[in-house]
């Protein structure tokens, strides 16, 4: 009976994968973690790095929009979706995941990252050197002044405590309140949306993004020596996004020798999902 249920589950999983465009490819990262990815399109390699509580499905439409100009590698970060995970976590292991995808892509690739995924892409570009050919960053969420309240000093520890206690919903609520700055009266509405369940499923990875951000959400200026990036870099912001994202972009562009800023008219922090065609056109048009 158990074998029958397992067989039915496997067939259901295969059917769902077919609906989502077929099974995913995998590559083994340096520490043995299996990283799952979708490869589609033609042209130079572009790896999509997702934000917190997101997997490859969140960028599926963006990937589709980019396929006529790039060979797109849209992957599940470790601990998410079809990718596995290996303890203990470190930011360097996530960079190794991107390095493994870069090797699959032929040894060089451009990176697109959104929100905290943009900071991971920035970190990867700094550590991987000329293996990263271009860098596209959508709204890295640095908090560098008093435009909004900083993230608590013990943010990562609190997330880990909630995760260890099995309080997935509480972890997402803590992230929404402290990292996203969403007022408590709106979180109840968020919980009623089906997307909350998906965020709960990925909540154990929230601390990963907290470690990626490090002290860059403390309200203090960005460190001047954390990143060494010589790849041409486009830093994008949405016209309707909070001031912190515009302030962050202005601060970051001063630290990178080949960087430019572009503002997307009428967009906000959700543009990866709500306006993939606008983002794709901005990426395709970028020349520096």
Protein backbone atom coordinates (compact mmCIF):
# COMPACT_ATOMS: atom_id res chain seq x y z
CA UNK A 1 0.00 0.00 0.00
CA UNK A 2 2.83 2.38 0.90
CA UNK A 3 4.59 1.51 -2.37
CA UNK A 4 1.37 2.26 -4.23
CA UNK A 5 1.10 5.70 -2.66
CA UNK A 6 4.77 6.38 -3.45
CA UNK A 7 4.28 5.36 -7.08
CA UNK A 8 1.19 7.58 -7.38
CA UNK A 9 3.05 10.50 -5.79
CA UNK A 10 6.00 10.08 -8.19
CA UNK A 11 3.64 10.07 -11.18
CA UNK A 12 1.84 13.14 -9.85
CA UNK A 13 5.18 14.93 -9.43
CA UNK A 14 6.15 14.06 -13.01
CA UNK A 15 2.79 15.38 -14.24
CA UNK A 16 3.20 18.65 -12.34
CA UNK A 17 6.72 19.05 -13.73
CA UNK A 18 5.31 18.59 -17.22
CA UNK A 19 2.77 21.33 -16.58
CA UNK A 20 5.60 23.63 -15.46
CA UNK A 21 7.68 22.98 -18.58
CA UNK A 22 9.25 19.60 -17.87
CA UNK A 23 11.74 18.23 -15.33
CA UNK A 24 14.62 20.35 -14.09
CA UNK A 25 18.29 19.77 -14.77
CA UNK A 26 20.68 19.43 -11.83
CA UNK A 27 24.31 20.21 -11.06
CA UNK A 28 26.28 19.17 -7.98
CA UNK A 29 27.82 22.05 -6.04
CA UNK A 30 31.24 21.82 -4.38
CA UNK A 31 29.85 20.58 -1.04
CA UNK A 32 27.63 17.95 -2.65
CA UNK A 33 24.39 19.95 -2.68
CA UNK A 34 22.21 19.23 -5.71
CA UNK A 35 21.15 22.45 -7.44
CA UNK A 36 18.14 22.23 -9.75
CA UNK A 37 17.75 24.59 -12.69
CA UNK A 38 15.78 25.27 -15.86
CA UNK A 39 17.76 26.02 -19.00
CA UNK A 40 16.02 27.78 -21.88
CA UNK A 41 16.69 30.16 -24.75
CA UNK A 42 19.66 31.00 -26.93
CA UNK A 43 22.54 33.43 -26.62
CA UNK A 44 25.04 34.31 -23.88
CA UNK A 45 24.46 32.69 -20.49
CA UNK A 46 22.40 34.54 -17.86
CA UNK A 47 21.80 33.09 -14.38
CA UNK A 48 18.74 34.32 -12.43
CA UNK A 49 19.27 34.62 -8.66
CA UNK A 50 16.02 34.74 -6.69
CA UNK A 51 15.14 36.87 -3.67
CA UNK A 52 14.12 35.74 -0.18
CA UNK A 53 11.23 33.21 0.09
CA UNK A 54 11.26 32.71 -3.69
CA UNK A 55 12.22 29.86 -5.98
CA UNK A 56 12.68 29.54 -9.74
CA UNK A 57 8.94 29.73 -10.36
CA UNK A 58 8.82 33.38 -9.26
CA UNK A 59 11.13 34.34 -12.13
CA UNK A 60 9.60 31.96 -14.71
CA UNK A 61 7.94 34.73 -16.73
CA UNK A 62 11.08 36.86 -16.64
CA UNK A 63 13.10 33.88 -17.86
CA UNK A 64 10.65 33.40 -20.71
CA UNK A 65 10.93 37.07 -21.70
CA UNK A 66 14.73 36.80 -21.86
CA UNK A 67 15.01 33.62 -23.92
CA UNK A 68 15.27 35.32 -27.31
CA UNK A 69 18.49 37.06 -26.23
CA UNK A 70 20.04 34.78 -23.59
CA UNK A 71 20.46 31.18 -22.59
CA UNK A 72 18.74 31.53 -19.23
CA UNK A 73 19.58 29.42 -16.18
CA UNK A 74 16.73 29.84 -13.70
CA UNK A 75 17.54 27.85 -10.57
CA UNK A 76 16.28 26.96 -7.13
CA UNK A 77 18.66 28.27 -4.50
CA UNK A 78 19.80 25.67 -1.95
CA UNK A 79 17.08 24.53 0.41
CA UNK A 80 14.35 25.61 -2.00
CA UNK A 81 12.16 23.87 -4.55
CA UNK A 82 13.94 20.93 -6.19
CA UNK A 83 17.39 21.79 -4.80
CA UNK A 84 18.78 20.05 -1.73
CA UNK A 85 20.56 21.62 1.23
CA UNK A 86 23.68 20.91 3.25
CA UNK A 87 24.47 22.14 6.76
CA UNK A 88 26.06 24.27 7.98
CA UNK A 89 25.01 27.17 5.78
CA UNK A 90 27.40 29.86 4.61
CA UNK A 91 27.21 32.57 1.97
CA UNK A 92 30.32 31.11 0.33
CA UNK A 93 28.43 27.85 -0.31
CA UNK A 94 25.74 29.79 -2.20
CA UNK A 95 28.45 31.42 -4.29
CA UNK A 96 29.79 27.93 -5.04
CA UNK A 97 26.31 27.02 -6.30
CA UNK A 98 26.48 29.91 -8.76
CA UNK A 99 30.02 28.88 -9.71
CA UNK A 100 28.74 25.37 -10.51
CA UNK A 101 26.01 26.82 -12.73
CA UNK A 102 28.60 29.04 -14.41
CA UNK A 103 30.65 25.95 -15.28
CA UNK A 104 27.56 24.30 -16.77
CA UNK A 105 27.07 27.47 -18.82
CA UNK A 106 30.57 27.22 -20.31
CA UNK A 107 32.72 28.96 -17.71
CA UNK A 108 31.26 32.48 -17.90
CA UNK A 109 27.81 33.98 -17.33
CA UNK A 110 26.00 37.18 -16.51
CA UNK A 111 23.99 37.33 -13.28
CA UNK A 112 20.58 38.86 -12.61
CA UNK A 113 19.53 39.16 -8.97
CA UNK A 114 16.53 40.75 -7.30
CA UNK A 115 16.28 42.12 -3.75
CA UNK A 116 18.53 40.04 -1.44
CA UNK A 117 19.26 37.87 -4.48
CA UNK A 118 20.86 40.96 -6.00
CA UNK A 119 23.23 41.11 -3.03
CA UNK A 120 24.04 37.41 -3.47
CA UNK A 121 24.74 38.08 -7.17
CA UNK A 122 26.96 41.00 -6.17
CA UNK A 123 28.82 38.77 -3.71
CA UNK A 124 29.27 36.11 -6.40
CA UNK A 125 30.59 38.64 -8.91
CA UNK A 126 33.12 39.82 -6.34
CA UNK A 127 34.35 36.29 -5.57
CA UNK A 128 34.17 34.77 -9.06
CA UNK A 129 35.95 37.59 -10.90
CA UNK A 130 35.95 37.40 -14.69
CA UNK A 131 33.66 34.36 -14.66
CA UNK A 132 30.85 36.94 -14.26
CA UNK A 133 30.60 39.00 -17.44
CA UNK A 134 27.76 41.39 -16.55
CA UNK A 135 25.70 42.08 -13.46
CA UNK A 136 22.04 43.12 -13.32
CA UNK A 137 20.79 44.10 -9.86
CA UNK A 138 17.16 44.91 -9.14
CA UNK A 139 16.67 46.85 -5.90
CA UNK A 140 19.26 45.49 -3.47
CA UNK A 141 17.54 46.27 -0.13
CA UNK A 142 20.35 48.08 1.66
CA UNK A 143 19.30 50.31 4.56
CA UNK A 144 22.03 52.94 4.73
CA UNK A 145 20.35 55.89 6.47
CA UNK A 146 17.24 56.79 8.45
CA UNK A 147 14.84 56.38 5.50
CA UNK A 148 13.40 53.45 7.45
CA UNK A 149 14.07 51.53 10.64
CA UNK A 150 17.10 49.20 10.47
CA UNK A 151 16.82 45.43 10.77
CA UNK A 152 17.39 44.23 14.38
CA UNK A 153 20.93 43.23 15.29
CA UNK A 154 19.72 39.75 16.33
CA UNK A 155 17.53 39.31 13.23
CA UNK A 156 19.21 36.10 12.01
CA UNK A 157 19.26 34.58 15.49
CA UNK A 158 15.54 35.26 15.93
CA UNK A 159 14.77 33.63 12.57
CA UNK A 160 16.83 30.58 13.46
CA UNK A 161 15.04 30.29 16.81
CA UNK A 162 11.62 30.40 15.15
CA UNK A 163 12.70 27.86 12.54
CA UNK A 164 14.11 25.47 15.14
CA UNK A 165 10.81 25.72 17.04
CA UNK A 166 8.87 24.84 13.87
CA UNK A 167 7.13 28.23 13.82
CA UNK A 168 7.21 28.76 10.07
CA UNK A 169 4.37 31.26 9.90
CA UNK A 170 5.89 33.29 12.74
CA UNK A 171 9.23 33.34 10.90
CA UNK A 172 7.59 34.72 7.76
CA UNK A 173 5.71 37.30 9.84
CA UNK A 174 8.96 38.34 11.53
CA UNK A 175 10.63 38.69 8.11
CA UNK A 176 7.70 40.70 6.74
CA UNK A 177 7.68 43.02 9.73
CA UNK A 178 11.40 43.51 10.39
CA UNK A 179 13.06 43.04 6.98
CA UNK A 180 10.30 44.26 4.66
CA UNK A 181 8.98 46.88 7.07
CA UNK A 182 5.33 45.94 6.48
CA UNK A 183 2.97 47.36 9.14
CA UNK A 184 1.27 44.79 11.34
CA UNK A 185 -2.23 45.71 10.19
CA UNK A 186 -1.37 44.58 6.63
CA UNK A 187 0.23 41.26 7.57
CA UNK A 188 -3.18 39.74 8.31
CA UNK A 189 -4.19 40.36 4.69
CA UNK A 190 -0.94 38.79 3.51
CA UNK A 191 -1.67 35.65 5.51
CA UNK A 192 -4.97 35.25 3.68
CA UNK A 193 -3.19 35.11 0.32
CA UNK A 194 -2.09 31.68 -1.02
CA UNK A 195 1.46 33.01 -1.41
CA UNK A 196 1.82 32.94 2.39
CA UNK A 197 1.82 29.13 2.36
CA UNK A 198 4.65 29.08 -0.16
CA UNK A 199 6.63 31.51 1.96
CA UNK A 200 6.10 29.24 4.96
CA UNK A 201 7.53 26.33 2.95
CA UNK A 202 10.69 28.37 2.27
CA UNK A 203 10.88 30.05 5.67
CA UNK A 204 13.86 27.96 6.82
CA UNK A 205 15.97 29.80 4.20
CA UNK A 206 15.11 33.29 5.45
CA UNK A 207 18.13 33.30 7.75
CA UNK A 208 20.29 32.60 4.69
CA UNK A 209 19.27 35.90 3.14
CA UNK A 210 19.81 37.60 6.48
CA UNK A 211 23.41 36.37 6.45
CA UNK A 212 23.84 37.51 2.85
CA UNK A 213 22.69 41.00 3.79
CA UNK A 214 25.00 41.07 6.82
CA UNK A 215 25.29 44.55 8.30
CA UNK A 216 24.06 46.31 5.15
CA UNK A 217 20.59 46.86 6.66
CA UNK A 218 21.85 48.53 9.83
CA UNK A 219 21.27 52.14 8.77
CA UNK A 220 25.00 52.72 8.30
CA UNK A 221 26.85 53.51 5.04
CA UNK A 222 27.80 50.59 2.81
CA UNK A 223 31.23 49.06 3.46
CA UNK A 224 33.74 50.38 0.95
CA UNK A 225 35.86 47.22 0.83
CA UNK A 226 33.35 44.34 0.75
CA UNK A 227 32.94 44.00 -3.03
CA UNK A 228 35.51 44.16 -5.82
CA UNK A 229 33.53 44.00 -9.06
CA UNK A 230 34.85 45.02 -12.46
CA UNK A 231 31.99 43.61 -14.54
CA UNK A 232 29.64 46.13 -16.16
CA UNK A 233 26.77 46.51 -13.71
CA UNK A 234 23.23 47.82 -14.11
CA UNK A 235 21.46 48.77 -10.88
CA UNK A 236 17.70 49.03 -11.42
CA UNK A 237 15.01 50.58 -9.25
CA UNK A 238 11.27 51.01 -9.60
CA UNK A 239 9.98 54.58 -9.82
CA UNK A 240 7.29 53.82 -7.21
CA UNK A 241 9.55 51.95 -4.79
CA UNK A 242 10.38 53.18 -1.31
CA UNK A 243 13.17 55.76 -0.95
CA UNK A 244 15.49 53.19 0.65
CA UNK A 245 15.92 51.40 -2.69
CA UNK A 246 16.83 54.59 -4.52
CA UNK A 247 19.23 55.61 -1.76
CA UNK A 248 20.79 52.13 -1.86
CA UNK A 249 21.29 52.30 -5.63
CA UNK A 250 22.91 55.72 -5.40
CA UNK A 251 25.28 54.48 -2.69
CA UNK A 252 26.21 51.29 -4.55
CA UNK A 253 26.89 52.94 -7.90
CA UNK A 254 29.61 55.00 -6.24
CA UNK A 255 31.42 51.83 -5.14
CA UNK A 256 31.50 49.99 -8.48
CA UNK A 257 33.74 51.26 -11.30
CA UNK A 258 31.50 50.16 -14.20
CA UNK A 259 28.01 50.72 -12.83
CA UNK A 260 24.97 52.65 -13.98
CA UNK A 261 21.48 53.23 -12.55
CA UNK A 262 18.21 52.89 -14.42
CA UNK A 263 14.77 53.69 -13.01
CA UNK A 264 11.77 51.75 -14.32
CA UNK A 265 8.78 54.04 -14.79
CA UNK A 266 5.70 53.04 -12.82
CA UNK A 267 7.31 49.98 -11.17
CA UNK A 268 7.92 48.90 -7.59
CA UNK A 269 9.76 46.16 -5.70
CA UNK A 270 7.53 43.42 -7.17
CA UNK A 271 8.52 44.05 -10.81
CA UNK A 272 10.09 40.60 -11.30
CA UNK A 273 6.61 39.11 -11.00
CA UNK A 274 4.35 41.99 -12.09
CA UNK A 275 6.37 43.48 -14.97
CA UNK A 276 8.80 40.83 -16.30
CA UNK A 277 8.61 42.26 -19.81
CA UNK A 278 9.74 45.69 -18.59
CA UNK A 279 12.66 44.21 -16.67
CA UNK A 280 13.65 41.99 -19.59
CA UNK A 281 13.71 44.92 -22.02
CA UNK A 282 15.87 46.91 -19.59
CA UNK A 283 18.33 44.02 -19.31
CA UNK A 284 18.47 43.46 -23.07
CA UNK A 285 19.00 47.17 -23.77
CA UNK A 286 21.83 47.59 -21.27
CA UNK A 287 25.14 48.62 -22.77
CA UNK A 288 28.11 49.96 -20.83
